[in-house]
Amino acid sequence: MLSSVLRSDRAMRVNVEIMRAFVRLRRLVSENRELAHRLDALEAKYDRQFKVVFDAIRELMAPPAPAPKRPIGFVSD
């Protein structure tokens, strides 16, 4: 990709780091998927008394909402 176009040592190192980042991202997603399956199993095992706890855990597992962005450019009043 990048290293095949630029053909430099730095481009090859950047390309390797990009691949490593994707591997880490895939590992993170699979770990969260495994955690979600384990939580589903526990939720099926226990009754409604722990529903609040399971809902709170799922809320903590959800990604945070994006922060509102400020408009770019000059704004006149």
PDB file of N, CA and C in Angstrom:
ATOM      1  N   MET A   1       0.839  -1.183   0.000  1.00  0.00           N
ATOM      2  CA  MET A   1       0.000   0.000   0.000  1.00  0.00           C
ATOM      3  C   MET A   1       0.880   1.241   0.000  1.00  0.00           C
ATOM      4  N   LEU A   2       1.028   1.859   1.165  1.00  0.00           N
ATOM      5  CA  LEU A   2       1.838   3.064   1.247  1.00  0.00           C
ATOM      6  C   LEU A   2       3.285   2.775   0.905  1.00  0.00           C
ATOM      7  N   SER A   3       3.795   1.666   1.422  1.00  0.00           N
ATOM      8  CA  SER A   3       5.203   1.335   1.184  1.00  0.00           C
ATOM      9  C   SER A   3       5.441   0.935  -0.267  1.00  0.00           C
ATOM     10  N   SER A   4       4.430   0.407  -0.953  1.00  0.00           N
ATOM     11  CA  SER A   4       4.623   0.052  -2.359  1.00  0.00           C
ATOM     12  C   SER A   4       4.639   1.282  -3.245  1.00  0.00           C
ATOM     13  N   VAL A   5       4.030   2.364  -2.802  1.00  0.00           N
ATOM     14  CA  VAL A   5       4.026   3.600  -3.581  1.00  0.00           C
ATOM     15  C   VAL A   5       5.280   4.423  -3.291  1.00  0.00           C
ATOM     16  N   LEU A   6       5.599   4.598  -2.021  1.00  0.00           N
ATOM     17  CA  LEU A   6       6.710   5.475  -1.656  1.00  0.00           C
ATOM     18  C   LEU A   6       8.062   4.767  -1.629  1.00  0.00           C
ATOM     19  N   ARG A   7       8.079   3.475  -1.365  1.00  0.00           N
ATOM     20  CA  ARG A   7       9.299   2.671  -1.353  1.00  0.00           C
ATOM     21  C   ARG A   7      10.397   3.253  -0.458  1.00  0.00           C
ATOM     22  N   SER A   8      10.028   3.565   0.777  1.00  0.00           N
ATOM     23  CA  SER A   8      11.023   4.043   1.734  1.00  0.00           C
ATOM     24  C   SER A   8      10.891   3.238   3.023  1.00  0.00           C
ATOM     25  N   ASP A   9      11.944   3.266   3.831  1.00  0.00           N
ATOM     26  CA  ASP A   9      11.912   2.548   5.104  1.00  0.00           C
ATOM     27  C   ASP A   9      10.816   3.080   6.011  1.00  0.00           C
ATOM     28  N   ARG A  10      10.666   4.386   6.025  1.00  0.00           N
ATOM     29  CA  ARG A  10       9.647   5.002   6.883  1.00  0.00           C
ATOM     30  C   ARG A  10       8.243   4.589   6.438  1.00  0.00           C
ATOM     31  N   ALA A  11       7.997   4.556   5.142  1.00  0.00           N
ATOM     32  CA  ALA A  11       6.685   4.145   4.631  1.00  0.00           C
ATOM     33  C   ALA A  11       6.393   2.700   5.007  1.00  0.00           C
ATOM     34  N   MET A  12       7.424   1.837   4.961  1.00  0.00           N
ATOM     35  CA  MET A  12       7.220   0.440   5.351  1.00  0.00           C
ATOM     36  C   MET A  12       6.894   0.330   6.835  1.00  0.00           C
ATOM     37  N   ARG A  13       7.572   1.121   7.672  1.00  0.00           N
ATOM     38  CA  ARG A  13       7.296   1.078   9.112  1.00  0.00           C
ATOM     39  C   ARG A  13       5.880   1.576   9.405  1.00  0.00           C
ATOM     40  N   VAL A  14       5.468   2.632   8.710  1.00  0.00           N
ATOM     41  CA  VAL A  14       4.109   3.155   8.902  1.00  0.00           C
ATOM     42  C   VAL A  14       3.084   2.109   8.476  1.00  0.00           C
ATOM     43  N   ASN A  15       3.353   1.438   7.364  1.00  0.00           N
ATOM     44  CA  ASN A  15       2.444   0.409   6.880  1.00  0.00           C
ATOM     45  C   ASN A  15       2.311  -0.725   7.891  1.00  0.00           C
ATOM     46  N   VAL A  16       3.414  -1.146   8.490  1.00  0.00           N
ATOM     47  CA  VAL A  16       3.391  -2.203   9.497  1.00  0.00           C
ATOM     48  C   VAL A  16       2.601  -1.754  10.728  1.00  0.00           C
ATOM     49  N   GLU A  17       2.787  -0.525  11.156  1.00  0.00           N
ATOM     50  CA  GLU A  17       2.047  -0.016  12.327  1.00  0.00           C
ATOM     51  C   GLU A  17       0.553   0.075  12.047  1.00  0.00           C
ATOM     52  N   ILE A  18       0.192   0.415  10.817  1.00  0.00           N
ATOM     53  CA  ILE A  18      -1.232   0.449  10.457  1.00  0.00           C
ATOM     54  C   ILE A  18      -1.833  -0.939  10.561  1.00  0.00           C
ATOM     55  N   MET A  19      -1.122  -1.938  10.056  1.00  0.00           N
ATOM     56  CA  MET A  19      -1.612  -3.319  10.143  1.00  0.00           C
ATOM     57  C   MET A  19      -1.728  -3.763  11.592  1.00  0.00           C
ATOM     58  N   ARG A  20      -0.751  -3.412  12.412  1.00  0.00           N
ATOM     59  CA  ARG A  20      -0.810  -3.774  13.832  1.00  0.00           C
ATOM     60  C   ARG A  20      -1.997  -3.106  14.521  1.00  0.00           C
ATOM     61  N   ALA A  21      -2.306  -1.876  14.153  1.00  0.00           N
ATOM     62  CA  ALA A  21      -3.450  -1.177  14.741  1.00  0.00           C
ATOM     63  C   ALA A  21      -4.750  -1.892  14.388  1.00  0.00           C
ATOM     64  N   PHE A  22      -4.869  -2.363  13.145  1.00  0.00           N
ATOM     65  CA  PHE A  22      -6.074  -3.095  12.763  1.00  0.00           C
ATOM     66  C   PHE A  22      -6.183  -4.420  13.511  1.00  0.00           C
ATOM     67  N   VAL A  23      -5.071  -5.083  13.731  1.00  0.00           N
ATOM     68  CA  VAL A  23      -5.088  -6.339  14.490  1.00  0.00           C
ATOM     69  C   VAL A  23      -5.532  -6.073  15.924  1.00  0.00           C
ATOM     70  N   ARG A  24      -5.003  -5.006  16.534  1.00  0.00           N
ATOM     71  CA  ARG A  24      -5.409  -4.668  17.905  1.00  0.00           C
ATOM     72  C   ARG A  24      -6.889  -4.319  17.957  1.00  0.00           C
ATOM     73  N   LEU A  25      -7.379  -3.610  16.953  1.00  0.00           N
ATOM     74  CA  LEU A  25      -8.791  -3.240  16.903  1.00  0.00           C
ATOM     75  C   LEU A  25      -9.669  -4.487  16.780  1.00  0.00           C
ATOM     76  N   ARG A  26      -9.265  -5.432  15.932  1.00  0.00           N
ATOM     77  CA  ARG A  26     -10.017  -6.670  15.781  1.00  0.00           C
ATOM     78  C   ARG A  26     -10.035  -7.455  17.089  1.00  0.00           C
ATOM     79  N   ARG A  27      -8.907  -7.491  17.781  1.00  0.00           N
ATOM     80  CA  ARG A  27      -8.824  -8.207  19.065  1.00  0.00           C
ATOM     81  C   ARG A  27      -9.743  -7.556  20.094  1.00  0.00           C
ATOM     82  N   LEU A  28      -9.762  -6.235  20.131  1.00  0.00           N
ATOM     83  CA  LEU A  28     -10.611  -5.512  21.078  1.00  0.00           C
ATOM     84  C   LEU A  28     -12.082  -5.800  20.819  1.00  0.00           C
ATOM     85  N   VAL A  29     -12.476  -5.814  19.545  1.00  0.00           N
ATOM     86  CA  VAL A  29     -13.872  -6.093  19.205  1.00  0.00           C
ATOM     87  C   VAL A  29     -14.246  -7.520  19.595  1.00  0.00           C
ATOM     88  N   SER A  30     -13.349  -8.465  19.346  1.00  0.00           N
ATOM     89  CA  SER A  30     -13.662  -9.850  19.700  1.00  0.00           C
ATOM     90  C   SER A  30     -13.748 -10.039  21.211  1.00  0.00           C
ATOM     91  N   GLU A  31     -12.913  -9.344  21.972  1.00  0.00           N
ATOM     92  CA  GLU A  31     -12.988  -9.448  23.430  1.00  0.00           C
ATOM     93  C   GLU A  31     -14.303  -8.884  23.939  1.00  0.00           C
ATOM     94  N   ASN A  32     -14.755  -7.777  23.381  1.00  0.00           N
ATOM     95  CA  ASN A  32     -16.032  -7.208  23.810  1.00  0.00           C
ATOM     96  C   ASN A  32     -17.189  -8.119  23.412  1.00  0.00           C
ATOM     97  N   ARG A  33     -17.071  -8.772  22.262  1.00  0.00           N
ATOM     98  CA  ARG A  33     -18.120  -9.694  21.831  1.00  0.00           C
ATOM     99  C   ARG A  33     -18.208 -10.866  22.808  1.00  0.00           C
ATOM    100  N   GLU A  34     -17.056 -11.361  23.232  1.00  0.00           N
ATOM    101  CA  GLU A  34     -17.030 -12.464  24.195  1.00  0.00           C
ATOM    102  C   GLU A  34     -17.638 -12.019  25.524  1.00  0.00           C
ATOM    103  N   LEU A  35     -17.332 -10.804  25.950  1.00  0.00           N
ATOM    104  CA  LEU A  35     -17.900 -10.277  27.180  1.00  0.00           C
ATOM    105  C   LEU A  35     -19.422 -10.144  27.064  1.00  0.00           C
ATOM    106  N   ALA A  36     -19.907  -9.722  25.914  1.00  0.00           N
ATOM    107  CA  ALA A  36     -21.351  -9.599  25.714  1.00  0.00           C
ATOM    108  C   ALA A  36     -22.021 -10.972  25.773  1.00  0.00           C
ATOM    109  N   HIS A  37     -21.390 -12.001  25.192  1.00  0.00           N
ATOM    110  CA  HIS A  37     -21.966 -13.351  25.251  1.00  0.00           C
ATOM    111  C   HIS A  37     -22.005 -13.864  26.685  1.00  0.00           C
ATOM    112  N   ARG A  38     -20.951 -13.604  27.433  1.00  0.00           N
ATOM    113  CA  ARG A  38     -20.925 -14.046  28.835  1.00  0.00           C
ATOM    114  C   ARG A  38     -22.013 -13.335  29.642  1.00  0.00           C
ATOM    115  N   LEU A  39     -22.199 -12.046  29.360  1.00  0.00           N
ATOM    116  CA  LEU A  39     -23.232 -11.288  30.054  1.00  0.00           C
ATOM    117  C   LEU A  39     -24.615 -11.820  29.701  1.00  0.00           C
ATOM    118  N   ASP A  40     -24.831 -12.189  28.435  1.00  0.00           N
ATOM    119  CA  ASP A  40     -26.114 -12.775  28.032  1.00  0.00           C
ATOM    120  C   ASP A  40     -26.373 -14.083  28.770  1.00  0.00           C
ATOM    121  N   ALA A  41     -25.326 -14.881  28.927  1.00  0.00           N
ATOM    122  CA  ALA A  41     -25.485 -16.154  29.635  1.00  0.00           C
ATOM    123  C   ALA A  41     -25.852 -15.921  31.100  1.00  0.00           C
ATOM    124  N   LEU A  42     -25.186 -14.954  31.725  1.00  0.00           N
ATOM    125  CA  LEU A  42     -25.513 -14.656  33.123  1.00  0.00           C
ATOM    126  C   LEU A  42     -26.920 -14.088  33.247  1.00  0.00           C
ATOM    127  N   GLU A  43     -27.297 -13.256  32.301  1.00  0.00           N
ATOM    128  CA  GLU A  43     -28.620 -12.652  32.344  1.00  0.00           C
ATOM    129  C   GLU A  43     -29.709 -13.713  32.184  1.00  0.00           C
ATOM    130  N   ALA A  44     -29.465 -14.702  31.354  1.00  0.00           N
ATOM    131  CA  ALA A  44     -30.438 -15.781  31.168  1.00  0.00           C
ATOM    132  C   ALA A  44     -30.518 -16.655  32.419  1.00  0.00           C
ATOM    133  N   LYS A  45     -29.414 -16.759  33.128  1.00  0.00           N
ATOM    134  CA  LYS A  45     -29.364 -17.625  34.308  1.00  0.00           C
ATOM    135  C   LYS A  45     -30.110 -17.017  35.499  1.00  0.00           C
ATOM    136  N   TYR A  46     -29.981 -15.722  35.665  1.00  0.00           N
ATOM    137  CA  TYR A  46     -30.608 -15.067  36.817  1.00  0.00           C
ATOM    138  C   TYR A  46     -31.880 -14.355  36.392  1.00  0.00           C
ATOM    139  N   ASP A  47     -32.773 -14.142  37.349  1.00  0.00           N
ATOM    140  CA  ASP A  47     -34.062 -13.565  37.027  1.00  0.00           C
ATOM    141  C   ASP A  47     -34.056 -12.042  37.103  1.00  0.00           C
ATOM    142  N   ARG A  48     -35.185 -11.454  37.248  1.00  0.00           N
ATOM    143  CA  ARG A  48     -35.363 -10.005  37.157  1.00  0.00           C
ATOM    144  C   ARG A  48     -34.689  -9.212  38.272  1.00  0.00           C
ATOM    145  N   GLN A  49     -34.299  -9.847  39.344  1.00  0.00           N
ATOM    146  CA  GLN A  49     -33.714  -9.096  40.461  1.00  0.00           C
ATOM    147  C   GLN A  49     -32.400  -8.425  40.059  1.00  0.00           C
ATOM    148  N   PHE A  50     -31.739  -8.949  39.039  1.00  0.00           N
ATOM    149  CA  PHE A  50     -30.477  -8.366  38.598  1.00  0.00           C
ATOM    150  C   PHE A  50     -30.604  -7.569  37.302  1.00  0.00           C
ATOM    151  N   LYS A  51     -31.824  -7.323  36.840  1.00  0.00           N
ATOM    152  CA  LYS A  51     -32.023  -6.601  35.580  1.00  0.00           C
ATOM    153  C   LYS A  51     -31.383  -5.219  35.618  1.00  0.00           C
ATOM    154  N   VAL A  52     -31.486  -4.531  36.721  1.00  0.00           N
ATOM    155  CA  VAL A  52     -30.901  -3.201  36.854  1.00  0.00           C
ATOM    156  C   VAL A  52     -29.373  -3.268  36.723  1.00  0.00           C
ATOM    157  N   VAL A  53     -28.798  -4.287  37.320  1.00  0.00           N
ATOM    158  CA  VAL A  53     -27.338  -4.457  37.257  1.00  0.00           C
ATOM    159  C   VAL A  53     -26.894  -4.730  35.827  1.00  0.00           C
ATOM    160  N   PHE A  54     -27.595  -5.639  35.146  1.00  0.00           N
ATOM    161  CA  PHE A  54     -27.227  -5.959  33.766  1.00  0.00           C
ATOM    162  C   PHE A  54     -27.418  -4.754  32.851  1.00  0.00           C
ATOM    163  N   ASP A  55     -28.479  -3.985  33.057  1.00  0.00           N
ATOM    164  CA  ASP A  55     -28.686  -2.785  32.248  1.00  0.00           C
ATOM    165  C   ASP A  55     -27.569  -1.769  32.464  1.00  0.00           C
ATOM    166  N   ALA A  56     -27.124  -1.627  33.704  1.00  0.00           N
ATOM    167  CA  ALA A  56     -26.032  -0.692  33.996  1.00  0.00           C
ATOM    168  C   ALA A  56     -24.723  -1.146  33.346  1.00  0.00           C
ATOM    169  N   ILE A  57     -24.461  -2.450  33.373  1.00  0.00           N
ATOM    170  CA  ILE A  57     -23.240  -2.975  32.744  1.00  0.00           C
ATOM    171  C   ILE A  57     -23.288  -2.752  31.238  1.00  0.00           C
ATOM    172  N   ARG A  58     -24.437  -2.999  30.615  1.00  0.00           N
ATOM    173  CA  ARG A  58     -24.560  -2.786  29.165  1.00  0.00           C
ATOM    174  C   ARG A  58     -24.382  -1.307  28.815  1.00  0.00           C
ATOM    175  N   GLU A  59     -24.876  -0.436  29.664  1.00  0.00           N
ATOM    176  CA  GLU A  59     -24.712   0.997  29.428  1.00  0.00           C
ATOM    177  C   GLU A  59     -23.238   1.392  29.511  1.00  0.00           C
ATOM    178  N   LEU A  60     -22.498   0.789  30.430  1.00  0.00           N
ATOM    179  CA  LEU A  60     -21.066   1.070  30.533  1.00  0.00           C
ATOM    180  C   LEU A  60     -20.280   0.500  29.357  1.00  0.00           C
ATOM    181  N   MET A  61     -20.769  -0.584  28.759  1.00  0.00           N
ATOM    182  CA  MET A  61     -20.093  -1.187  27.613  1.00  0.00           C
ATOM    183  C   MET A  61     -20.323  -0.401  26.331  1.00  0.00           C
ATOM    184  N   ALA A  62     -21.396   0.388  26.271  1.00  0.00           N
ATOM    185  CA  ALA A  62     -21.708   1.141  25.054  1.00  0.00           C
ATOM    186  C   ALA A  62     -20.683   2.252  24.850  1.00  0.00           C
ATOM    187  N   PRO A  63     -20.345   2.533  23.585  1.00  0.00           N
ATOM    188  CA  PRO A  63     -19.394   3.617  23.331  1.00  0.00           C
ATOM    189  C   PRO A  63     -20.004   4.967  23.709  1.00  0.00           C
ATOM    190  N   PRO A  64     -19.181   5.909  24.136  1.00  0.00           N
ATOM    191  CA  PRO A  64     -19.717   7.214  24.531  1.00  0.00           C
ATOM    192  C   PRO A  64     -20.260   7.982  23.328  1.00  0.00           C
ATOM    193  N   ALA A  65     -21.226   8.831  23.590  1.00  0.00           N
ATOM    194  CA  ALA A  65     -21.802   9.657  22.530  1.00  0.00           C
ATOM    195  C   ALA A  65     -20.780  10.708  22.097  1.00  0.00           C
ATOM    196  N   PRO A  66     -20.731  11.014  20.806  1.00  0.00           N
ATOM    197  CA  PRO A  66     -19.757  12.012  20.355  1.00  0.00           C
ATOM    198  C   PRO A  66     -20.098  13.393  20.913  1.00  0.00           C
ATOM    199  N   ALA A  67     -19.059  14.136  21.231  1.00  0.00           N
ATOM    200  CA  ALA A  67     -19.247  15.482  21.764  1.00  0.00           C
ATOM    201  C   ALA A  67     -19.724  16.414  20.650  1.00  0.00           C
ATOM    202  N   PRO A  68     -20.563  17.388  20.970  1.00  0.00           N
ATOM    203  CA  PRO A  68     -21.014  18.319  19.925  1.00  0.00           C
ATOM    204  C   PRO A  68     -19.835  19.129  19.398  1.00  0.00           C
ATOM    205  N   LYS A  69     -19.824  19.324  18.096  1.00  0.00           N
ATOM    206  CA  LYS A  69     -18.719  20.031  17.465  1.00  0.00           C
ATOM    207  C   LYS A  69     -19.081  21.496  17.263  1.00  0.00           C
ATOM    208  N   ARG A  70     -18.081  22.331  17.450  1.00  0.00           N
ATOM    209  CA  ARG A  70     -18.271  23.749  17.196  1.00  0.00           C
ATOM    210  C   ARG A  70     -18.184  23.998  15.700  1.00  0.00           C
ATOM    211  N   PRO A  71     -18.954  24.952  15.190  1.00  0.00           N
ATOM    212  CA  PRO A  71     -18.854  25.253  13.762  1.00  0.00           C
ATOM    213  C   PRO A  71     -17.485  25.868  13.437  1.00  0.00           C
ATOM    214  N   ILE A  72     -17.019  25.583  12.230  1.00  0.00           N
ATOM    215  CA  ILE A  72     -15.737  26.096  11.789  1.00  0.00           C
ATOM    216  C   ILE A  72     -15.970  27.331  10.935  1.00  0.00           C
ATOM    217  N   GLY A  73     -15.120  28.315  11.127  1.00  0.00           N
ATOM    218  CA  GLY A  73     -15.208  29.506  10.292  1.00  0.00           C
ATOM    219  C   GLY A  73     -15.604  30.734  11.094  1.00  0.00           C
ATOM    220  N   PHE A  74     -15.704  31.834  10.405  1.00  0.00           N
ATOM    221  CA  PHE A  74     -16.056  33.111  11.008  1.00  0.00           C
ATOM    222  C   PHE A  74     -17.566  33.175  11.198  1.00  0.00           C
ATOM    223  N   VAL A  75     -17.982  33.569  12.395  1.00  0.00           N
ATOM    224  CA  VAL A  75     -19.399  33.723  12.703  1.00  0.00           C
ATOM    225  C   VAL A  75     -19.618  35.147  13.145  1.00  0.00           C
ATOM    226  N   SER A  76     -20.479  35.858  12.437  1.00  0.00           N
ATOM    227  CA  SER A  76     -20.756  37.249  12.816  1.00  0.00           C
ATOM    228  C   SER A  76     -22.035  37.295  13.639  1.00  0.00           C
ATOM    229  N   ASP A  77     -22.075  38.204  14.587  1.00  0.00           N
ATOM    230  CA  ASP A  77     -23.266  38.341  15.448  1.00  0.00           C
ATOM    231  C   ASP A  77     -24.293  39.247  14.840  1.00  0.00           C
TER     232      ASP A  77
END
